[in-house]
Amino acid sequence: MVLVAIDLKIGEFEASHKGQMELYLRYLEKYEIVDGENSPIGLILCIGKNEEHVELL
């Protein structure tokens, strides 16, 4: 079993979205995960992206 955080964004991908998702994932790890579960994963869905930003992050 694994928890999945999904963040839907209206605009293009920004570096700050990654930091926000990391906050969500740390919260899940600290307060919501139960013994035997894998680490949570995050999915950020945006309208567009800057290829360089995505590659570097």
PDB file of N, CA and C in Angstrom:
ATOM      1  N   MET A   1       0.853  -1.175   0.000  1.00  0.00           N
ATOM      2  CA  MET A   1       0.000   0.000   0.000  1.00  0.00           C
ATOM      3  C   MET A   1       0.898   1.236   0.000  1.00  0.00           C
ATOM      4  N   VAL A   2       0.455   2.256  -0.706  1.00  0.00           N
ATOM      5  CA  VAL A   2       1.205   3.509  -0.774  1.00  0.00           C
ATOM      6  C   VAL A   2       0.218   4.670  -0.855  1.00  0.00           C
ATOM      7  N   LEU A   3       0.521   5.747  -0.154  1.00  0.00           N
ATOM      8  CA  LEU A   3      -0.275   6.970  -0.237  1.00  0.00           C
ATOM      9  C   LEU A   3       0.187   7.780  -1.441  1.00  0.00           C
ATOM     10  N   VAL A   4      -0.759   8.412  -2.147  1.00  0.00           N
ATOM     11  CA  VAL A   4      -0.435   9.236  -3.308  1.00  0.00           C
ATOM     12  C   VAL A   4      -1.047  10.620  -3.100  1.00  0.00           C
ATOM     13  N   ALA A   5      -0.205  11.655  -3.184  1.00  0.00           N
ATOM     14  CA  ALA A   5      -0.674  13.044  -3.118  1.00  0.00           C
ATOM     15  C   ALA A   5      -0.737  13.569  -4.547  1.00  0.00           C
ATOM     16  N   ILE A   6      -1.888  14.096  -4.940  1.00  0.00           N
ATOM     17  CA  ILE A   6      -2.073  14.647  -6.288  1.00  0.00           C
ATOM     18  C   ILE A   6      -2.380  16.128  -6.154  1.00  0.00           C
ATOM     19  N   ASP A   7      -1.600  16.950  -6.865  1.00  0.00           N
ATOM     20  CA  ASP A   7      -1.762  18.402  -6.827  1.00  0.00           C
ATOM     21  C   ASP A   7      -2.067  18.880  -8.242  1.00  0.00           C
ATOM     22  N   LEU A   8      -3.249  19.437  -8.451  1.00  0.00           N
ATOM     23  CA  LEU A   8      -3.653  19.944  -9.760  1.00  0.00           C
ATOM     24  C   LEU A   8      -3.377  21.446  -9.822  1.00  0.00           C
ATOM     25  N   LYS A   9      -2.618  21.877 -10.823  1.00  0.00           N
ATOM     26  CA  LYS A   9      -2.265  23.289 -10.987  1.00  0.00           C
ATOM     27  C   LYS A   9      -2.890  23.834 -12.266  1.00  0.00           C
ATOM     28  N   ILE A  10      -3.398  25.057 -12.192  1.00  0.00           N
ATOM     29  CA  ILE A  10      -4.032  25.684 -13.351  1.00  0.00           C
ATOM     30  C   ILE A  10      -2.994  26.193 -14.343  1.00  0.00           C
ATOM     31  N   GLY A  11      -1.889  26.742 -13.862  1.00  0.00           N
ATOM     32  CA  GLY A  11      -0.885  27.338 -14.743  1.00  0.00           C
ATOM     33  C   GLY A  11       0.245  26.388 -15.086  1.00  0.00           C
ATOM     34  N   GLU A  12       1.332  26.981 -15.556  1.00  0.00           N
ATOM     35  CA  GLU A  12       2.522  26.211 -15.898  1.00  0.00           C
ATOM     36  C   GLU A  12       3.259  25.787 -14.643  1.00  0.00           C
ATOM     37  N   PHE A  13       4.106  24.768 -14.790  1.00  0.00           N
ATOM     38  CA  PHE A  13       4.896  24.264 -13.676  1.00  0.00           C
ATOM     39  C   PHE A  13       5.871  25.332 -13.197  1.00  0.00           C
ATOM     40  N   GLU A  14       5.988  25.481 -11.874  1.00  0.00           N
ATOM     41  CA  GLU A  14       6.954  26.387 -11.257  1.00  0.00           C
ATOM     42  C   GLU A  14       7.754  25.597 -10.230  1.00  0.00           C
ATOM     43  N   ALA A  15       8.967  26.025  -9.977  1.00  0.00           N
ATOM     44  CA  ALA A  15       9.834  25.336  -9.023  1.00  0.00           C
ATOM     45  C   ALA A  15       9.194  25.259  -7.636  1.00  0.00           C
ATOM     46  N   SER A  16       8.418  26.257  -7.274  1.00  0.00           N
ATOM     47  CA  SER A  16       7.787  26.270  -5.948  1.00  0.00           C
ATOM     48  C   SER A  16       6.783  25.128  -5.782  1.00  0.00           C
ATOM     49  N   HIS A  17       6.254  24.621  -6.880  1.00  0.00           N
ATOM     50  CA  HIS A  17       5.316  23.501  -6.802  1.00  0.00           C
ATOM     51  C   HIS A  17       6.001  22.262  -6.233  1.00  0.00           C
ATOM     52  N   LYS A  18       7.261  22.073  -6.578  1.00  0.00           N
ATOM     53  CA  LYS A  18       8.020  20.931  -6.063  1.00  0.00           C
ATOM     54  C   LYS A  18       8.172  21.030  -4.549  1.00  0.00           C
ATOM     55  N   GLY A  19       8.511  22.214  -4.060  1.00  0.00           N
ATOM     56  CA  GLY A  19       8.656  22.417  -2.624  1.00  0.00           C
ATOM     57  C   GLY A  19       7.351  22.194  -1.885  1.00  0.00           C
ATOM     58  N   GLN A  20       6.263  22.645  -2.475  1.00  0.00           N
ATOM     59  CA  GLN A  20       4.950  22.462  -1.866  1.00  0.00           C
ATOM     60  C   GLN A  20       4.617  20.966  -1.787  1.00  0.00           C
ATOM     61  N   MET A  21       4.908  20.220  -2.859  1.00  0.00           N
ATOM     62  CA  MET A  21       4.647  18.784  -2.852  1.00  0.00           C
ATOM     63  C   MET A  21       5.496  18.082  -1.808  1.00  0.00           C
ATOM     64  N   GLU A  22       6.743  18.500  -1.647  1.00  0.00           N
ATOM     65  CA  GLU A  22       7.601  17.897  -0.627  1.00  0.00           C
ATOM     66  C   GLU A  22       7.025  18.101   0.763  1.00  0.00           C
ATOM     67  N   LEU A  23       6.427  19.252   1.010  1.00  0.00           N
ATOM     68  CA  LEU A  23       5.765  19.511   2.291  1.00  0.00           C
ATOM     69  C   LEU A  23       4.614  18.525   2.495  1.00  0.00           C
ATOM     70  N   TYR A  24       3.792  18.330   1.475  1.00  0.00           N
ATOM     71  CA  TYR A  24       2.682  17.383   1.570  1.00  0.00           C
ATOM     72  C   TYR A  24       3.195  15.974   1.872  1.00  0.00           C
ATOM     73  N   LEU A  25       4.264  15.567   1.181  1.00  0.00           N
ATOM     74  CA  LEU A  25       4.795  14.214   1.356  1.00  0.00           C
ATOM     75  C   LEU A  25       5.386  14.016   2.750  1.00  0.00           C
ATOM     76  N   ARG A  26       6.081  15.038   3.270  1.00  0.00           N
ATOM     77  CA  ARG A  26       6.627  14.934   4.629  1.00  0.00           C
ATOM     78  C   ARG A  26       5.500  14.821   5.655  1.00  0.00           C
ATOM     79  N   TYR A  27       4.401  15.563   5.434  1.00  0.00           N
ATOM     80  CA  TYR A  27       3.252  15.467   6.332  1.00  0.00           C
ATOM     81  C   TYR A  27       2.689  14.050   6.325  1.00  0.00           C
ATOM     82  N   LEU A  28       2.511  13.498   5.128  1.00  0.00           N
ATOM     83  CA  LEU A  28       1.988  12.136   5.032  1.00  0.00           C
ATOM     84  C   LEU A  28       2.903  11.146   5.735  1.00  0.00           C
ATOM     85  N   GLU A  29       4.220  11.300   5.547  1.00  0.00           N
ATOM     86  CA  GLU A  29       5.176  10.402   6.198  1.00  0.00           C
ATOM     87  C   GLU A  29       5.089  10.491   7.721  1.00  0.00           C
ATOM     88  N   LYS A  30       4.891  11.690   8.228  1.00  0.00           N
ATOM     89  CA  LYS A  30       4.910  11.899   9.678  1.00  0.00           C
ATOM     90  C   LYS A  30       3.593  11.519  10.350  1.00  0.00           C
ATOM     91  N   TYR A  31       2.460  11.827   9.719  1.00  0.00           N
ATOM     92  CA  TYR A  31       1.177  11.690  10.401  1.00  0.00           C
ATOM     93  C   TYR A  31       0.216  10.647   9.832  1.00  0.00           C
ATOM     94  N   GLU A  32       0.378  10.239   8.609  1.00  0.00           N
ATOM     95  CA  GLU A  32      -0.631   9.379   7.991  1.00  0.00           C
ATOM     96  C   GLU A  32      -0.164   7.967   7.644  1.00  0.00           C
ATOM     97  N   ILE A  33       1.132   7.748   7.508  1.00  0.00           N
ATOM     98  CA  ILE A  33       1.641   6.445   7.091  1.00  0.00           C
ATOM     99  C   ILE A  33       1.486   5.435   8.232  1.00  0.00           C
ATOM    100  N   VAL A  34       1.184   4.205   7.887  1.00  0.00           N
ATOM    101  CA  VAL A  34       1.076   3.133   8.884  1.00  0.00           C
ATOM    102  C   VAL A  34       2.203   2.137   8.656  1.00  0.00           C
ATOM    103  N   ASP A  35       2.490   1.362   9.676  1.00  0.00           N
ATOM    104  CA  ASP A  35       3.572   0.379   9.576  1.00  0.00           C
ATOM    105  C   ASP A  35       3.359  -0.535   8.373  1.00  0.00           C
ATOM    106  N   GLY A  36       4.427  -0.748   7.630  1.00  0.00           N
ATOM    107  CA  GLY A  36       4.382  -1.634   6.475  1.00  0.00           C
ATOM    108  C   GLY A  36       4.093  -0.933   5.157  1.00  0.00           C
ATOM    109  N   GLU A  37       3.685   0.329   5.208  1.00  0.00           N
ATOM    110  CA  GLU A  37       3.422   1.060   3.966  1.00  0.00           C
ATOM    111  C   GLU A  37       4.717   1.598   3.382  1.00  0.00           C
ATOM    112  N   ASN A  38       4.751   1.705   2.066  1.00  0.00           N
ATOM    113  CA  ASN A  38       5.877   2.342   1.384  1.00  0.00           C
ATOM    114  C   ASN A  38       5.780   3.855   1.545  1.00  0.00           C
ATOM    115  N   SER A  39       6.871   4.545   1.241  1.00  0.00           N
ATOM    116  CA  SER A  39       6.876   6.012   1.300  1.00  0.00           C
ATOM    117  C   SER A  39       5.851   6.572   0.319  1.00  0.00           C
ATOM    118  N   PRO A  40       5.187   7.680   0.690  1.00  0.00           N
ATOM    119  CA  PRO A  40       4.201   8.277  -0.212  1.00  0.00           C
ATOM    120  C   PRO A  40       4.866   8.847  -1.461  1.00  0.00           C
ATOM    121  N   ILE A  41       4.089   8.934  -2.517  1.00  0.00           N
ATOM    122  CA  ILE A  41       4.578   9.531  -3.761  1.00  0.00           C
ATOM    123  C   ILE A  41       3.677  10.703  -4.130  1.00  0.00           C
ATOM    124  N   GLY A  42       4.223  11.639  -4.907  1.00  0.00           N
ATOM    125  CA  GLY A  42       3.472  12.822  -5.298  1.00  0.00           C
ATOM    126  C   GLY A  42       3.382  12.964  -6.800  1.00  0.00           C
ATOM    127  N   LEU A  43       2.269  13.504  -7.248  1.00  0.00           N
ATOM    128  CA  LEU A  43       2.035  13.733  -8.664  1.00  0.00           C
ATOM    129  C   LEU A  43       1.548  15.169  -8.831  1.00  0.00           C
ATOM    130  N   ILE A  44       2.278  15.963  -9.616  1.00  0.00           N
ATOM    131  CA  ILE A  44       1.902  17.350  -9.880  1.00  0.00           C
ATOM    132  C   ILE A  44       1.437  17.431 -11.325  1.00  0.00           C
ATOM    133  N   LEU A  45       0.199  17.839 -11.532  1.00  0.00           N
ATOM    134  CA  LEU A  45      -0.367  17.968 -12.873  1.00  0.00           C
ATOM    135  C   LEU A  45      -0.555  19.444 -13.196  1.00  0.00           C
ATOM    136  N   CYS A  46       0.082  19.897 -14.286  1.00  0.00           N
ATOM    137  CA  CYS A  46       0.037  21.302 -14.708  1.00  0.00           C
ATOM    138  C   CYS A  46      -0.414  21.392 -16.163  1.00  0.00           C
ATOM    139  N   ILE A  47      -0.809  22.599 -16.554  1.00  0.00           N
ATOM    140  CA  ILE A  47      -1.193  22.836 -17.945  1.00  0.00           C
ATOM    141  C   ILE A  47       0.024  22.795 -18.859  1.00  0.00           C
ATOM    142  N   GLY A  48       1.138  23.333 -18.412  1.00  0.00           N
ATOM    143  CA  GLY A  48       2.342  23.390 -19.242  1.00  0.00           C
ATOM    144  C   GLY A  48       3.591  23.253 -18.394  1.00  0.00           C
ATOM    145  N   LYS A  49       4.735  23.277 -19.074  1.00  0.00           N
ATOM    146  CA  LYS A  49       5.993  23.109 -18.350  1.00  0.00           C
ATOM    147  C   LYS A  49       7.128  23.801 -19.092  1.00  0.00           C
ATOM    148  N   ASN A  50       8.164  24.084 -18.349  1.00  0.00           N
ATOM    149  CA  ASN A  50       9.413  24.544 -18.909  1.00  0.00           C
ATOM    150  C   ASN A  50      10.344  23.336 -18.842  1.00  0.00           C
ATOM    151  N   GLU A  51      10.730  22.794 -19.990  1.00  0.00           N
ATOM    152  CA  GLU A  51      11.521  21.565 -20.032  1.00  0.00           C
ATOM    153  C   GLU A  51      12.758  21.649 -19.131  1.00  0.00           C
ATOM    154  N   GLU A  52      13.451  22.792 -19.138  1.00  0.00           N
ATOM    155  CA  GLU A  52      14.670  22.943 -18.350  1.00  0.00           C
ATOM    156  C   GLU A  52      14.385  22.856 -16.855  1.00  0.00           C
ATOM    157  N   HIS A  53      13.306  23.507 -16.399  1.00  0.00           N
ATOM    158  CA  HIS A  53      12.946  23.445 -14.980  1.00  0.00           C
ATOM    159  C   HIS A  53      12.674  22.000 -14.552  1.00  0.00           C
ATOM    160  N   VAL A  54      11.897  21.313 -15.335  1.00  0.00           N
ATOM    161  CA  VAL A  54      11.534  19.934 -14.990  1.00  0.00           C
ATOM    162  C   VAL A  54      12.765  19.047 -14.961  1.00  0.00           C
ATOM    163  N   GLU A  55      13.636  19.195 -15.938  1.00  0.00           N
ATOM    164  CA  GLU A  55      14.857  18.376 -15.998  1.00  0.00           C
ATOM    165  C   GLU A  55      15.765  18.644 -14.804  1.00  0.00           C
ATOM    166  N   LEU A  56      15.930  19.905 -14.428  1.00  0.00           N
ATOM    167  CA  LEU A  56      16.830  20.262 -13.340  1.00  0.00           C
ATOM    168  C   LEU A  56      16.277  19.875 -11.974  1.00  0.00           C
ATOM    169  N   LEU A  57      14.961  19.884 -11.823  1.00  0.00           N
ATOM    170  CA  LEU A  57      14.368  19.552 -10.524  1.00  0.00           C
ATOM    171  C   LEU A  57      14.172  18.077 -10.383  1.00  0.00           C
TER     172      LEU A  57
END
